[in-house]
C-alpha atoms as a PDB file:
ATOM      1  CA  MET A   1     178.267 108.909 134.791  1.00  0.00           C
ATOM      2  CA  THR A   2     180.480 105.917 134.351  1.00  0.00           C
ATOM      3  CA  LEU A   3     179.839 103.217 132.001  1.00  0.00           C
ATOM      4  CA  ARG A   4     179.608 100.370 134.991  1.00  0.00           C
ATOM      5  CA  TRP A   5     176.790 102.897 136.645  1.00  0.00           C
ATOM      6  CA  MET A   6     175.066 102.781 133.243  1.00  0.00           C
ATOM      7  CA  VAL A   7     175.894  99.455 132.455  1.00  0.00           C
ATOM      8  CA  ALA A   8     174.101  98.698 136.312  1.00  0.00           C
ATOM      9  CA  GLY A   9     171.119 101.413 136.211  1.00  0.00           C
ATOM     10  CA  ALA A  10     169.781  99.828 132.428  1.00  0.00           C
ATOM     11  CA  GLY A  11     169.846  96.668 133.596  1.00  0.00           C
ATOM     12  CA  ALA A  12     167.594  97.660 136.396  1.00  0.00           C
ATOM     13  CA  LEU A  13     165.388  98.985 134.196  1.00  0.00           C
ATOM     14  CA  ALA A  14     165.683  96.523 131.894  1.00  0.00           C
ATOM     15  CA  LEU A  15     164.832  93.927 135.068  1.00  0.00           C
ATOM     16  CA  ALA A  16     162.181  96.413 136.125  1.00  0.00           C
ATOM     17  CA  MET A  17     160.764  96.607 133.151  1.00  0.00           C
ATOM     18  CA  SER A  18     160.496  92.529 132.452  1.00  0.00           C
ATOM     19  CA  THR A  19     158.076  92.678 134.755  1.00  0.00           C
ATOM     20  CA  LEU A  20     155.356  93.905 133.262  1.00  0.00           C
ATOM     21  CA  PRO A  21     153.018  92.792 131.612  1.00  0.00           C
ATOM     22  CA  ALA A  22     152.903  92.632 127.802  1.00  0.00           C
ATOM     23  CA  GLY A  23     151.089  94.771 126.972  1.00  0.00           C
ATOM     24  CA  LEU A  24     152.447  97.837 129.320  1.00  0.00           C
ATOM     25  CA  VAL A  25     155.820  97.814 127.564  1.00  0.00           C
ATOM     26  CA  SER A  26     154.850  97.019 123.777  1.00  0.00           C
ATOM     27  CA  SER A  27     154.518 100.332 121.458  1.00  0.00           C
ATOM     28  CA  HIS A  28     151.842  98.754 120.228  1.00  0.00           C
ATOM     29  CA  ALA A  29     148.502  96.436 120.667  1.00  0.00           C
ATOM     30  CA  HIS A  30     146.937  94.398 118.143  1.00  0.00           C
ATOM     31  CA  PRO A  31     143.088  94.535 118.231  1.00  0.00           C
ATOM     32  CA  HIS A  32     140.698  91.629 119.249  1.00  0.00           C
ATOM     33  CA  GLY A  33     142.988  90.247 121.287  1.00  0.00           C
ATOM     34  CA  GLY A  34     146.367  90.023 119.816  1.00  0.00           C
ATOM     35  CA  GLY A  35     145.831  88.789 116.577  1.00  0.00           C
ATOM     36  CA  SER A  36     145.382  90.983 113.029  1.00  0.00           C
ATOM     37  CA  ALA A  37     143.459  91.037 110.395  1.00  0.00           C
ATOM     38  CA  GLY A  38     145.904  90.101 108.379  1.00  0.00           C
ATOM     39  CA  ALA A  39     145.785  86.767 109.310  1.00  0.00           C
ATOM     40  CA  LEU A  40     142.326  86.265 111.113  1.00  0.00           C
ATOM     41  CA  GLY A  41     140.297  87.837 107.931  1.00  0.00           C
ATOM     42  CA  GLY A  42     138.793  90.526 110.174  1.00  0.00           C
ATOM     43  CA  GLU A  43     139.703  94.077 110.194  1.00  0.00           C
ATOM     44  CA  ALA A  44     142.228  95.624 110.054  1.00  0.00           C
ATOM     45  CA  VAL A  45     145.629  95.807 111.435  1.00  0.00           C
ATOM     46  CA  ALA A  46     148.152  99.853 110.665  1.00  0.00           C
ATOM     47  CA  ALA A  47     151.458  98.222 109.668  1.00  0.00           C
ATOM     48  CA  CYS A  48     153.233 100.912 111.071  1.00  0.00           C
ATOM     49  CA  ASP A  49     152.868 102.214 114.613  1.00  0.00           C
ATOM     50  CA  ALA A  50     152.614 106.086 115.309  1.00  0.00           C
ATOM     51  CA  GLY A  51     155.164 108.403 115.069  1.00  0.00           C
ATOM     52  CA  ALA A  52     157.110 105.745 113.009  1.00  0.00           C
ATOM     53  CA  LYS A  53     160.531 106.542 111.913  1.00  0.00           C
ATOM     54  CA  PRO A  54     163.149 105.441 108.996  1.00  0.00           C
ATOM     55  CA  ALA A  55     165.358 103.060 109.544  1.00  0.00           C
ATOM     56  CA  ARG A  56     169.148 103.792 109.693  1.00  0.00           C
ATOM     57  CA  TYR A  57     170.610 101.996 106.660  1.00  0.00           C
ATOM     58  CA  ASP A  58     173.925 103.846 106.652  1.00  0.00           C
ATOM     59  CA  PHE A  59     175.919 101.094 108.881  1.00  0.00           C
ATOM     60  CA  VAL A  60     178.261  98.025 108.553  1.00  0.00           C
ATOM     61  CA  LEU A  61     179.088  95.954 112.371  1.00  0.00           C
ATOM     62  CA  GLN A  62     180.226  93.178 112.624  1.00  0.00           C
ATOM     63  CA  ASP A  63     179.068  90.144 114.243  1.00  0.00           C
ATOM     64  CA  HIS A  64     180.642  87.419 116.482  1.00  0.00           C
ATOM     65  CA  ASP A  65     182.363  85.663 113.593  1.00  0.00           C
ATOM     66  CA  GLY A  66     183.597  88.714 112.310  1.00  0.00           C
ATOM     67  CA  ARG A  67     181.447  88.870 109.166  1.00  0.00           C
ATOM     68  CA  ASP A  68     180.753  92.080 108.668  1.00  0.00           C
ATOM     69  CA  VAL A  69     176.924  92.615 107.857  1.00  0.00           C
ATOM     70  CA  ASP A  70     176.021  96.172 105.973  1.00  0.00           C
ATOM     71  CA  PHE A  71     172.015  97.888 106.454  1.00  0.00           C
ATOM     72  CA  GLU A  72     171.812  98.383 102.966  1.00  0.00           C
ATOM     73  CA  SER A  73     171.259  95.251 101.810  1.00  0.00           C
ATOM     74  CA  LEU A  74     168.710  94.525 104.722  1.00  0.00           C
ATOM     75  CA  ARG A  75     166.838  97.211 102.025  1.00  0.00           C
ATOM     76  CA  GLY A  76     163.359  95.383 101.144  1.00  0.00           C
ATOM     77  CA  LYS A  77     163.570  92.615 103.842  1.00  0.00           C
ATOM     78  CA  VAL A  78     161.520  92.778 106.833  1.00  0.00           C
ATOM     79  CA  VAL A  79     164.112  92.892 110.200  1.00  0.00           C
ATOM     80  CA  LEU A  80     163.217  91.592 113.864  1.00  0.00           C
ATOM     81  CA  LEU A  81     166.263  93.582 115.396  1.00  0.00           C
ATOM     82  CA  ASN A  82     167.170  92.533 118.264  1.00  0.00           C
ATOM     83  CA  PHE A  83     169.175  94.350 121.271  1.00  0.00           C
ATOM     84  CA  TRP A  84     170.218  92.658 124.190  1.00  0.00           C
ATOM     85  CA  ALA A  85     172.975  91.136 126.604  1.00  0.00           C
ATOM     86  CA  THR A  86     174.284  88.106 128.069  1.00  0.00           C
ATOM     87  CA  TRP A  87     173.517  89.214 131.153  1.00  0.00           C
ATOM     88  CA  CYS A  88     170.133  89.447 130.208  1.00  0.00           C
ATOM     89  CA  GLY A  89     167.459  86.810 131.807  1.00  0.00           C
ATOM     90  CA  PRO A  90     164.236  88.273 129.359  1.00  0.00           C
ATOM     91  CA  CYS A  91     167.108  88.140 126.583  1.00  0.00           C
ATOM     92  CA  LYS A  92     167.232  84.170 127.742  1.00  0.00           C
ATOM     93  CA  ILE A  93     163.917  83.706 126.853  1.00  0.00           C
ATOM     94  CA  GLU A  94     163.494  86.009 123.582  1.00  0.00           C
ATOM     95  CA  VAL A  95     166.694  83.915 122.566  1.00  0.00           C
ATOM     96  CA  PRO A  96     165.062  80.414 121.134  1.00  0.00           C
ATOM     97  CA  TRP A  97     162.404  82.059 119.453  1.00  0.00           C
ATOM     98  CA  PHE A  98     164.014  84.577 116.939  1.00  0.00           C
ATOM     99  CA  VAL A  99     165.647  81.307 116.497  1.00  0.00           C
ATOM    100  CA  GLU A 100     162.809  79.792 114.913  1.00  0.00           C
ATOM    101  CA  PHE A 101     161.024  82.882 113.460  1.00  0.00           C
ATOM    102  CA  ALA A 102     165.182  83.624 111.886  1.00  0.00           C
ATOM    103  CA  GLU A 103     164.157  79.841 110.366  1.00  0.00           C
ATOM    104  CA  GLU A 104     160.172  79.420 109.884  1.00  0.00           C
ATOM    105  CA  TYR A 105     160.524  82.773 108.290  1.00  0.00           C
ATOM    106  CA  ALA A 106     163.773  83.210 105.908  1.00  0.00           C
ATOM    107  CA  ASP A 107     162.257  82.508 103.028  1.00  0.00           C
ATOM    108  CA  ASP A 108     160.063  85.090 103.224  1.00  0.00           C
ATOM    109  CA  GLY A 109     161.725  88.107 104.018  1.00  0.00           C
ATOM    110  CA  LEU A 110     162.832  88.357 107.907  1.00  0.00           C
ATOM    111  CA  VAL A 111     166.230  88.763 108.422  1.00  0.00           C
ATOM    112  CA  VAL A 112     166.983  88.662 112.703  1.00  0.00           C
ATOM    113  CA  LEU A 113     169.410  90.830 114.263  1.00  0.00           C
ATOM    114  CA  GLY A 114     170.712  90.794 117.467  1.00  0.00           C
ATOM    115  CA  LEU A 115     173.275  93.200 118.722  1.00  0.00           C
ATOM    116  CA  SER A 116     174.792  92.476 121.905  1.00  0.00           C
ATOM    117  CA  VAL A 117     174.508  96.449 123.391  1.00  0.00           C
ATOM    118  CA  ASP A 118     177.882  95.500 126.284  1.00  0.00           C
ATOM    119  CA  ASP A 119     179.388  91.869 125.438  1.00  0.00           C
ATOM    120  CA  THR A 120     182.738  91.423 124.423  1.00  0.00           C
ATOM    121  CA  VAL A 121     182.654  88.942 120.784  1.00  0.00           C
ATOM    122  CA  ASP A 122     184.149  85.926 122.713  1.00  0.00           C
ATOM    123  CA  LYS A 123     180.744  86.825 125.376  1.00  0.00           C
ATOM    124  CA  ILE A 124     178.823  86.608 122.255  1.00  0.00           C
ATOM    125  CA  ARG A 125     180.420  83.818 120.902  1.00  0.00           C
ATOM    126  CA  GLU A 126     179.944  81.481 124.159  1.00  0.00           C
ATOM    127  CA  PHE A 127     176.341  82.687 124.617  1.00  0.00           C
ATOM    128  CA  ALA A 128     175.411  81.791 120.416  1.00  0.00           C
ATOM    129  CA  ASP A 129     177.024  78.931 120.604  1.00  0.00           C
ATOM    130  CA  ASP A 130     174.603  77.923 124.436  1.00  0.00           C
ATOM    131  CA  PHE A 131     171.869  79.252 122.199  1.00  0.00           C
ATOM    132  CA  ASP A 132     172.152  77.713 118.819  1.00  0.00           C
ATOM    133  CA  VAL A 133     171.839  81.266 117.271  1.00  0.00           C
ATOM    134  CA  ASN A 134     171.220  80.633 113.726  1.00  0.00           C
ATOM    135  CA  TYR A 135     171.741  84.715 112.872  1.00  0.00           C
ATOM    136  CA  PRO A 136     174.355  87.244 112.728  1.00  0.00           C
ATOM    137  CA  MET A 137     174.869  88.585 116.564  1.00  0.00           C
ATOM    138  CA  LEU A 138     176.209  92.060 115.813  1.00  0.00           C
ATOM    139  CA  VAL A 139     179.214  92.598 118.396  1.00  0.00           C
ATOM    140  CA  GLY A 140     177.485  96.766 120.111  1.00  0.00           C
ATOM    141  CA  LEU A 141     180.146  97.356 122.396  1.00  0.00           C
ATOM    142  CA  GLY A 142     181.960 101.223 121.643  1.00  0.00           C
ATOM    143  CA  ARG A 143     179.125 101.380 118.926  1.00  0.00           C
ATOM    144  CA  GLU A 144     176.735 104.022 120.819  1.00  0.00           C
ATOM    145  CA  ASP A 145     176.594 105.402 117.152  1.00  0.00           C
ATOM    146  CA  PHE A 146     174.425 102.694 116.302  1.00  0.00           C
ATOM    147  CA  GLN A 147     172.141 102.319 119.761  1.00  0.00           C
ATOM    148  CA  GLU A 148     171.446 105.850 119.010  1.00  0.00           C
ATOM    149  CA  ALA A 149     169.998 105.608 115.961  1.00  0.00           C
ATOM    150  CA  TYR A 150     167.486 103.557 116.867  1.00  0.00           C
ATOM    151  CA  GLY A 151     167.028 104.682 120.092  1.00  0.00           C
ATOM    152  CA  PRO A 152     167.603 105.505 122.739  1.00  0.00           C
ATOM    153  CA  ILE A 153     168.102 101.886 124.183  1.00  0.00           C
ATOM    154  CA  TRP A 154     167.676 102.508 128.096  1.00  0.00           C
ATOM    155  CA  GLY A 155     167.598  98.699 128.291  1.00  0.00           C
ATOM    156  CA  VAL A 156     167.544  95.750 127.600  1.00  0.00           C
ATOM    157  CA  PRO A 157     166.298  93.069 125.730  1.00  0.00           C
ATOM    158  CA  MET A 158     164.596  95.914 122.791  1.00  0.00           C
ATOM    159  CA  THR A 159     162.927  94.922 119.951  1.00  0.00           C
ATOM    160  CA  PHE A 160     162.783  96.933 116.500  1.00  0.00           C
ATOM    161  CA  PHE A 161     160.509  95.837 113.447  1.00  0.00           C
ATOM    162  CA  ILE A 162     162.148  97.124 110.400  1.00  0.00           C
ATOM    163  CA  ASP A 163     159.156  96.890 107.247  1.00  0.00           C
ATOM    164  CA  ARG A 164     160.421  96.417 103.715  1.00  0.00           C
ATOM    165  CA  GLU A 165     160.154 100.216 103.055  1.00  0.00           C
ATOM    166  CA  GLY A 166     162.621 100.681 105.466  1.00  0.00           C
ATOM    167  CA  THR A 167     160.273 102.028 108.333  1.00  0.00           C
ATOM    168  CA  VAL A 168     161.362 101.292 111.973  1.00  0.00           C
ATOM    169  CA  CYS A 169     157.453  99.655 112.060  1.00  0.00           C
ATOM    170  CA  ARG A 170     157.367  99.034 115.600  1.00  0.00           C
ATOM    171  CA  THR A 171     159.432  98.310 118.920  1.00  0.00           C
ATOM    172  CA  HIS A 172     158.922  96.265 121.831  1.00  0.00           C
ATOM    173  CA  ALA A 173     160.086  97.514 125.217  1.00  0.00           C
ATOM    174  CA  GLY A 174     161.023  94.833 127.511  1.00  0.00           C
ATOM    175  CA  ILE A 175     160.154  91.134 126.960  1.00  0.00           C
ATOM    176  CA  ALA A 176     156.498  90.397 124.447  1.00  0.00           C
ATOM    177  CA  THR A 177     154.867  87.135 124.278  1.00  0.00           C
ATOM    178  CA  LYS A 178     156.051  84.589 120.958  1.00  0.00           C
ATOM    179  CA  ASP A 179     152.713  85.097 119.796  1.00  0.00           C
ATOM    180  CA  GLU A 180     153.332  88.695 120.118  1.00  0.00           C
ATOM    181  CA  PHE A 181     156.303  89.152 117.958  1.00  0.00           C
ATOM    182  CA  GLU A 182     155.141  86.487 115.173  1.00  0.00           C
ATOM    183  CA  GLN A 183     152.349  87.939 114.697  1.00  0.00           C
ATOM    184  CA  ASP A 184     154.698  91.451 114.285  1.00  0.00           C
ATOM    185  CA  ILE A 185     155.897  89.065 112.238  1.00  0.00           C
ATOM    186  CA  ARG A 186     153.654  88.002 109.657  1.00  0.00           C
ATOM    187  CA  ASP A 187     151.624  91.917 109.819  1.00  0.00           C
ATOM    188  CA  LEU A 188     154.973  93.170 108.091  1.00  0.00           C
ATOM    189  CA  LEU A 189     155.524  89.426 105.931  1.00  0.00           C
END
């Protein structure tokens, strides 16, 4: 299968998934209408989804400005890792939220990373400028090894939450709501 057809298939899948209600594409659900006990003072919510797996830290990737991002340096932090593409409509909705989260929760130990699955550095840089991105936008073109380590990635957007202990705790395949993302962050911080 050629890369062009794989990209087209991934785009079609992402578009189809983006039309589903967030609860159907999220790997977890919060009780009591999306709130968590940590924030509401009620019943406790499990920090990690069933079947959570260890995160892979044995990668160094470059961001859109040519800086190396060593995943080993992320140990002990909560990481929001978003797989996206410049052509992805739902990604354009999520990115401004991630910009807000990166600013609001940085002092609490949150690191936001975006990994463009198939865009060139120039396209990523232009996108980052257009959306005032304040977090590293990693270059994923040619880095199928990284995508497979966290995936398989069948479509974008796809977002992973890694806790301070290095566990991939939660996953959203397709778009979720801003409130769902923020609740995941709060639960893990």
